[in-house]
C-alpha cells in the first residue's frame, strides 16, 4: 500500500488539475486510484484545505513513555519473547491470550 501523500504532493496534484490535467493522468503520475485524486480535488474545492482531518486514523493505545519502556526492554533483552516483554513492562496494548492457550 502506498504511503500517504504529503501536503506538497497534494498541492502539486491540485495544481496539475487546475492546469487542465485529467484526473486519470494525475492518478497515473502519482500511482494512485482516481478516487483518491478526486477526493483531494473535492476537499480543496469545498474546504480550501489539503490537510488531513484531525483525529483521522487509528488512535494510539500507548503513550511515548510506554513505547520507550517497551522498546528499551526489547533492546536490553533481544532474545525475550513478545509475551515476556508485554508482561515485564505491563504493556497495555496487548491482545495476547494467556500463556498456555
N, C-alpha and C. Protein backbone atom coordinates (compact mmCIF):
# COMPACT_ATOMS: atom_id res chain seq x y z
N UNK A 1 0.84 -1.18 0.00
CA UNK A 1 0.00 0.00 0.00
C UNK A 1 0.89 1.24 0.00
N UNK A 2 0.61 2.19 -0.87
CA UNK A 2 1.45 3.40 -0.92
C UNK A 2 1.31 4.22 0.35
N UNK A 3 2.37 4.94 0.66
CA UNK A 3 2.34 5.83 1.83
C UNK A 3 1.37 6.98 1.57
N UNK A 4 1.07 7.71 2.63
CA UNK A 4 0.17 8.85 2.48
C UNK A 4 0.86 9.96 1.71
N UNK A 5 0.08 10.69 0.95
CA UNK A 5 0.61 11.81 0.20
C UNK A 5 0.91 12.98 1.13
N UNK A 6 2.01 13.65 0.89
CA UNK A 6 2.34 14.84 1.68
C UNK A 6 1.49 16.01 1.20
N UNK A 7 1.47 17.08 2.00
CA UNK A 7 0.72 18.27 1.58
C UNK A 7 1.32 18.86 0.31
N UNK A 8 2.62 18.76 0.15
CA UNK A 8 3.27 19.27 -1.07
C UNK A 8 2.78 18.48 -2.28
N UNK A 9 2.74 17.16 -2.15
CA UNK A 9 2.26 16.33 -3.26
C UNK A 9 0.79 16.64 -3.57
N UNK A 10 0.00 16.83 -2.54
CA UNK A 10 -1.41 17.18 -2.75
C UNK A 10 -1.54 18.52 -3.46
N UNK A 11 -0.69 19.48 -3.09
CA UNK A 11 -0.70 20.79 -3.75
C UNK A 11 -0.31 20.63 -5.23
N UNK A 12 0.65 19.77 -5.50
CA UNK A 12 1.05 19.53 -6.89
C UNK A 12 -0.10 18.90 -7.67
N UNK A 13 -0.82 18.00 -7.03
CA UNK A 13 -1.97 17.35 -7.67
C UNK A 13 -3.03 18.39 -8.03
N UNK A 14 -3.38 19.24 -7.07
CA UNK A 14 -4.38 20.28 -7.32
C UNK A 14 -3.90 21.21 -8.43
N UNK A 15 -2.63 21.56 -8.40
CA UNK A 15 -2.07 22.44 -9.42
C UNK A 15 -2.18 21.82 -10.81
N UNK A 16 -1.85 20.55 -10.92
CA UNK A 16 -1.94 19.88 -12.23
C UNK A 16 -3.38 19.83 -12.73
N UNK A 17 -4.31 19.57 -11.83
CA UNK A 17 -5.72 19.53 -12.22
C UNK A 17 -6.16 20.91 -12.70
N UNK A 18 -5.75 21.96 -11.98
CA UNK A 18 -6.11 23.32 -12.37
C UNK A 18 -5.44 23.72 -13.68
N UNK A 19 -4.31 23.08 -14.02
CA UNK A 19 -3.65 23.33 -15.31
C UNK A 19 -4.34 22.61 -16.45
N UNK A 20 -5.29 21.74 -16.12
CA UNK A 20 -6.04 21.05 -17.16
C UNK A 20 -5.76 19.57 -17.29
N UNK A 21 -4.91 19.03 -16.42
CA UNK A 21 -4.65 17.60 -16.46
C UNK A 21 -5.93 16.85 -16.09
N UNK A 22 -6.12 15.68 -16.66
CA UNK A 22 -7.28 14.87 -16.29
C UNK A 22 -7.00 14.15 -14.97
N UNK A 23 -8.07 13.77 -14.29
CA UNK A 23 -7.95 13.02 -13.04
C UNK A 23 -7.17 11.73 -13.31
N UNK A 24 -7.47 11.09 -14.40
CA UNK A 24 -6.81 9.83 -14.75
C UNK A 24 -5.31 10.02 -14.94
N UNK A 25 -4.92 11.07 -15.65
CA UNK A 25 -3.49 11.32 -15.90
C UNK A 25 -2.75 11.60 -14.59
N UNK A 26 -3.36 12.38 -13.71
CA UNK A 26 -2.73 12.69 -12.43
C UNK A 26 -2.63 11.42 -11.58
N UNK A 27 -3.68 10.62 -11.59
CA UNK A 27 -3.67 9.37 -10.83
C UNK A 27 -2.55 8.45 -11.31
N UNK A 28 -2.37 8.38 -12.60
CA UNK A 28 -1.29 7.55 -13.14
C UNK A 28 0.08 8.10 -12.76
N UNK A 29 0.24 9.42 -12.82
CA UNK A 29 1.51 10.04 -12.49
C UNK A 29 1.92 9.76 -11.04
N UNK A 30 0.95 9.81 -10.12
CA UNK A 30 1.23 9.62 -8.70
C UNK A 30 0.98 8.18 -8.23
N UNK A 31 0.63 7.31 -9.18
CA UNK A 31 0.38 5.90 -8.88
C UNK A 31 -0.69 5.76 -7.79
N UNK A 32 -1.80 6.45 -7.98
CA UNK A 32 -2.91 6.43 -7.03
C UNK A 32 -4.20 6.12 -7.77
N UNK A 33 -5.19 5.72 -7.02
CA UNK A 33 -6.51 5.47 -7.57
C UNK A 33 -7.15 6.81 -7.96
N UNK A 34 -7.95 6.78 -9.01
CA UNK A 34 -8.63 8.01 -9.45
C UNK A 34 -9.50 8.59 -8.34
N UNK A 35 -10.11 7.74 -7.54
CA UNK A 35 -10.96 8.19 -6.43
C UNK A 35 -10.15 9.01 -5.43
N UNK A 36 -8.91 8.60 -5.17
CA UNK A 36 -8.05 9.33 -4.24
C UNK A 36 -7.79 10.74 -4.76
N UNK A 37 -7.47 10.84 -6.03
CA UNK A 37 -7.19 12.15 -6.64
C UNK A 37 -8.45 13.01 -6.63
N UNK A 38 -9.58 12.40 -6.91
CA UNK A 38 -10.84 13.13 -6.90
C UNK A 38 -11.17 13.66 -5.50
N UNK A 39 -10.91 12.85 -4.46
CA UNK A 39 -11.16 13.30 -3.08
C UNK A 39 -10.28 14.49 -2.72
N UNK A 40 -9.02 14.47 -3.16
CA UNK A 40 -8.12 15.60 -2.90
C UNK A 40 -8.66 16.85 -3.58
N UNK A 41 -9.08 16.71 -4.82
CA UNK A 41 -9.64 17.84 -5.57
C UNK A 41 -10.89 18.38 -4.88
N UNK A 42 -11.78 17.49 -4.47
CA UNK A 42 -13.03 17.91 -3.82
C UNK A 42 -12.76 18.59 -2.49
N UNK A 43 -11.83 18.04 -1.70
CA UNK A 43 -11.53 18.68 -0.41
C UNK A 43 -10.99 20.08 -0.64
N UNK A 44 -10.14 20.25 -1.66
CA UNK A 44 -9.59 21.56 -1.97
C UNK A 44 -10.71 22.53 -2.35
N UNK A 45 -11.63 22.07 -3.20
CA UNK A 45 -12.72 22.94 -3.67
C UNK A 45 -13.72 23.27 -2.55
N UNK A 46 -14.00 22.31 -1.68
CA UNK A 46 -15.03 22.51 -0.66
C UNK A 46 -14.49 23.14 0.62
N UNK A 47 -13.27 22.75 1.02
CA UNK A 47 -12.74 23.18 2.31
C UNK A 47 -11.53 24.09 2.19
N UNK A 48 -11.03 24.27 0.97
CA UNK A 48 -9.83 25.08 0.74
C UNK A 48 -8.66 24.59 1.62
N UNK A 49 -8.57 23.26 1.74
CA UNK A 49 -7.55 22.67 2.60
C UNK A 49 -7.04 21.37 2.00
N UNK A 50 -5.77 21.08 2.27
CA UNK A 50 -5.18 19.82 1.83
C UNK A 50 -4.76 18.97 3.02
N UNK A 51 -4.99 19.48 4.23
CA UNK A 51 -4.57 18.76 5.44
C UNK A 51 -5.54 17.63 5.76
N UNK A 52 -5.00 16.61 6.43
CA UNK A 52 -5.84 15.53 6.92
C UNK A 52 -6.70 16.07 8.05
N UNK A 53 -7.86 15.49 8.20
CA UNK A 53 -8.74 15.91 9.29
C UNK A 53 -8.13 15.48 10.62
N UNK A 54 -8.33 16.30 11.63
CA UNK A 54 -7.84 15.97 12.96
C UNK A 54 -8.57 14.73 13.45
N UNK A 55 -7.79 13.83 13.99
CA UNK A 55 -8.38 12.61 14.53
C UNK A 55 -8.57 11.52 13.51
N UNK A 56 -8.20 11.75 12.26
CA UNK A 56 -8.33 10.69 11.29
C UNK A 56 -7.20 9.70 11.52
N UNK A 57 -7.49 8.47 11.30
CA UNK A 57 -6.51 7.42 11.58
C UNK A 57 -6.81 6.75 12.91
N UNK A 58 -6.18 5.64 13.11
CA UNK A 58 -6.41 4.87 14.34
C UNK A 58 -5.75 5.58 15.52
N UNK A 59 -6.47 5.71 16.63
CA UNK A 59 -5.86 6.36 17.80
C UNK A 59 -4.80 5.46 18.43
N UNK A 60 -3.77 6.08 19.00
CA UNK A 60 -2.73 5.32 19.67
C UNK A 60 -3.27 4.75 20.97
N UNK A 61 -2.79 3.56 21.31
CA UNK A 61 -3.21 2.91 22.55
C UNK A 61 -2.20 3.11 23.66
N UNK A 62 -1.02 3.61 23.31
CA UNK A 62 0.03 3.80 24.30
C UNK A 62 0.54 5.23 24.24
N UNK A 63 1.26 5.61 25.30
CA UNK A 63 1.87 6.94 25.31
C UNK A 63 3.37 6.79 25.02
N UNK A 64 4.08 7.88 24.78
CA UNK A 64 5.50 7.79 24.44
C UNK A 64 6.35 7.09 25.51
N UNK A 65 6.00 7.27 26.79
CA UNK A 65 6.76 6.62 27.86
C UNK A 65 6.60 5.11 27.79
N UNK A 66 5.38 4.64 27.53
CA UNK A 66 5.14 3.20 27.42
C UNK A 66 5.86 2.63 26.21
N UNK A 67 5.84 3.36 25.10
CA UNK A 67 6.56 2.91 23.90
C UNK A 67 8.05 2.79 24.19
N UNK A 68 8.62 3.80 24.85
CA UNK A 68 10.05 3.80 25.16
C UNK A 68 10.40 2.65 26.10
N UNK A 69 9.56 2.40 27.10
CA UNK A 69 9.82 1.30 28.03
C UNK A 69 9.82 -0.04 27.32
N UNK A 70 8.86 -0.23 26.44
CA UNK A 70 8.76 -1.50 25.71
C UNK A 70 9.96 -1.70 24.79
N UNK A 71 10.30 -0.66 24.04
CA UNK A 71 11.45 -0.76 23.12
C UNK A 71 12.75 -0.92 23.89
N UNK A 72 12.89 -0.21 25.01
CA UNK A 72 14.09 -0.36 25.84
C UNK A 72 14.23 -1.77 26.36
N UNK A 73 13.13 -2.36 26.79
CA UNK A 73 13.15 -3.74 27.27
C UNK A 73 13.63 -4.67 26.16
N UNK A 74 13.09 -4.50 24.97
CA UNK A 74 13.48 -5.37 23.85
C UNK A 74 14.94 -5.17 23.45
N UNK A 75 15.44 -3.95 23.54
CA UNK A 75 16.86 -3.71 23.22
C UNK A 75 17.77 -4.38 24.26
N UNK A 76 17.36 -4.33 25.52
CA UNK A 76 18.17 -4.92 26.58
C UNK A 76 17.99 -6.43 26.70
N UNK A 77 16.93 -6.96 26.14
CA UNK A 77 16.62 -8.39 26.20
C UNK A 77 16.29 -8.89 24.79
N UNK A 78 17.27 -8.93 23.90
CA UNK A 78 16.98 -9.23 22.49
C UNK A 78 16.40 -10.62 22.24
N UNK A 79 16.56 -11.54 23.19
CA UNK A 79 16.05 -12.89 22.98
C UNK A 79 14.75 -13.14 23.74
N UNK A 80 14.21 -12.11 24.36
CA UNK A 80 12.94 -12.25 25.08
C UNK A 80 11.80 -12.43 24.09
N UNK A 81 10.79 -13.14 24.52
CA UNK A 81 9.60 -13.28 23.68
C UNK A 81 8.74 -12.03 23.83
N UNK A 82 7.84 -11.86 22.89
CA UNK A 82 6.93 -10.72 22.98
C UNK A 82 6.08 -10.85 24.24
N UNK A 83 5.65 -12.07 24.54
CA UNK A 83 4.84 -12.30 25.74
C UNK A 83 5.59 -11.83 26.99
N UNK A 84 6.88 -12.20 27.10
CA UNK A 84 7.69 -11.76 28.25
C UNK A 84 7.78 -10.24 28.30
N UNK A 85 8.00 -9.62 27.16
CA UNK A 85 8.13 -8.16 27.12
C UNK A 85 6.83 -7.49 27.56
N UNK A 86 5.70 -8.01 27.11
CA UNK A 86 4.40 -7.44 27.48
C UNK A 86 4.18 -7.58 28.98
N UNK A 87 4.48 -8.75 29.52
CA UNK A 87 4.26 -8.99 30.95
C UNK A 87 5.21 -8.14 31.79
N UNK A 88 6.50 -8.14 31.43
CA UNK A 88 7.50 -7.45 32.24
C UNK A 88 7.37 -5.93 32.20
N UNK A 89 6.83 -5.39 31.12
CA UNK A 89 6.68 -3.93 31.03
C UNK A 89 5.25 -3.47 31.32
N UNK A 90 4.36 -4.43 31.60
CA UNK A 90 2.94 -4.12 31.81
C UNK A 90 2.38 -3.33 30.63
N UNK A 91 2.78 -3.76 29.43
CA UNK A 91 2.37 -3.08 28.21
C UNK A 91 0.86 -3.18 28.05
N UNK A 92 0.15 -2.05 27.92
CA UNK A 92 -1.32 -2.05 27.95
C UNK A 92 -2.00 -2.44 26.64
N UNK A 93 -1.31 -2.40 25.54
CA UNK A 93 -1.96 -2.56 24.24
C UNK A 93 -1.79 -3.96 23.69
N UNK A 94 -2.04 -4.95 24.50
CA UNK A 94 -1.81 -6.31 24.05
C UNK A 94 -3.10 -7.11 24.04
N UNK A 95 -3.27 -7.89 22.99
CA UNK A 95 -4.39 -8.82 22.91
C UNK A 95 -3.89 -10.25 23.02
N UNK A 96 -2.72 -10.43 23.60
CA UNK A 96 -2.16 -11.77 23.72
C UNK A 96 -3.02 -12.63 24.63
N UNK A 97 -3.29 -13.86 24.22
CA UNK A 97 -4.03 -14.76 25.11
C UNK A 97 -3.15 -15.17 26.28
N UNK A 98 -3.74 -15.62 27.36
CA UNK A 98 -2.93 -16.07 28.49
C UNK A 98 -2.00 -17.21 28.08
N UNK A 99 -0.90 -17.36 28.80
CA UNK A 99 0.07 -18.41 28.49
C UNK A 99 -0.61 -19.77 28.51
N UNK A 100 -0.19 -20.63 27.59
CA UNK A 100 -0.72 -21.99 27.53
C UNK A 100 -1.90 -22.15 26.59
N UNK A 101 -2.41 -21.09 26.04
CA UNK A 101 -3.55 -21.20 25.11
C UNK A 101 -3.07 -21.24 23.69
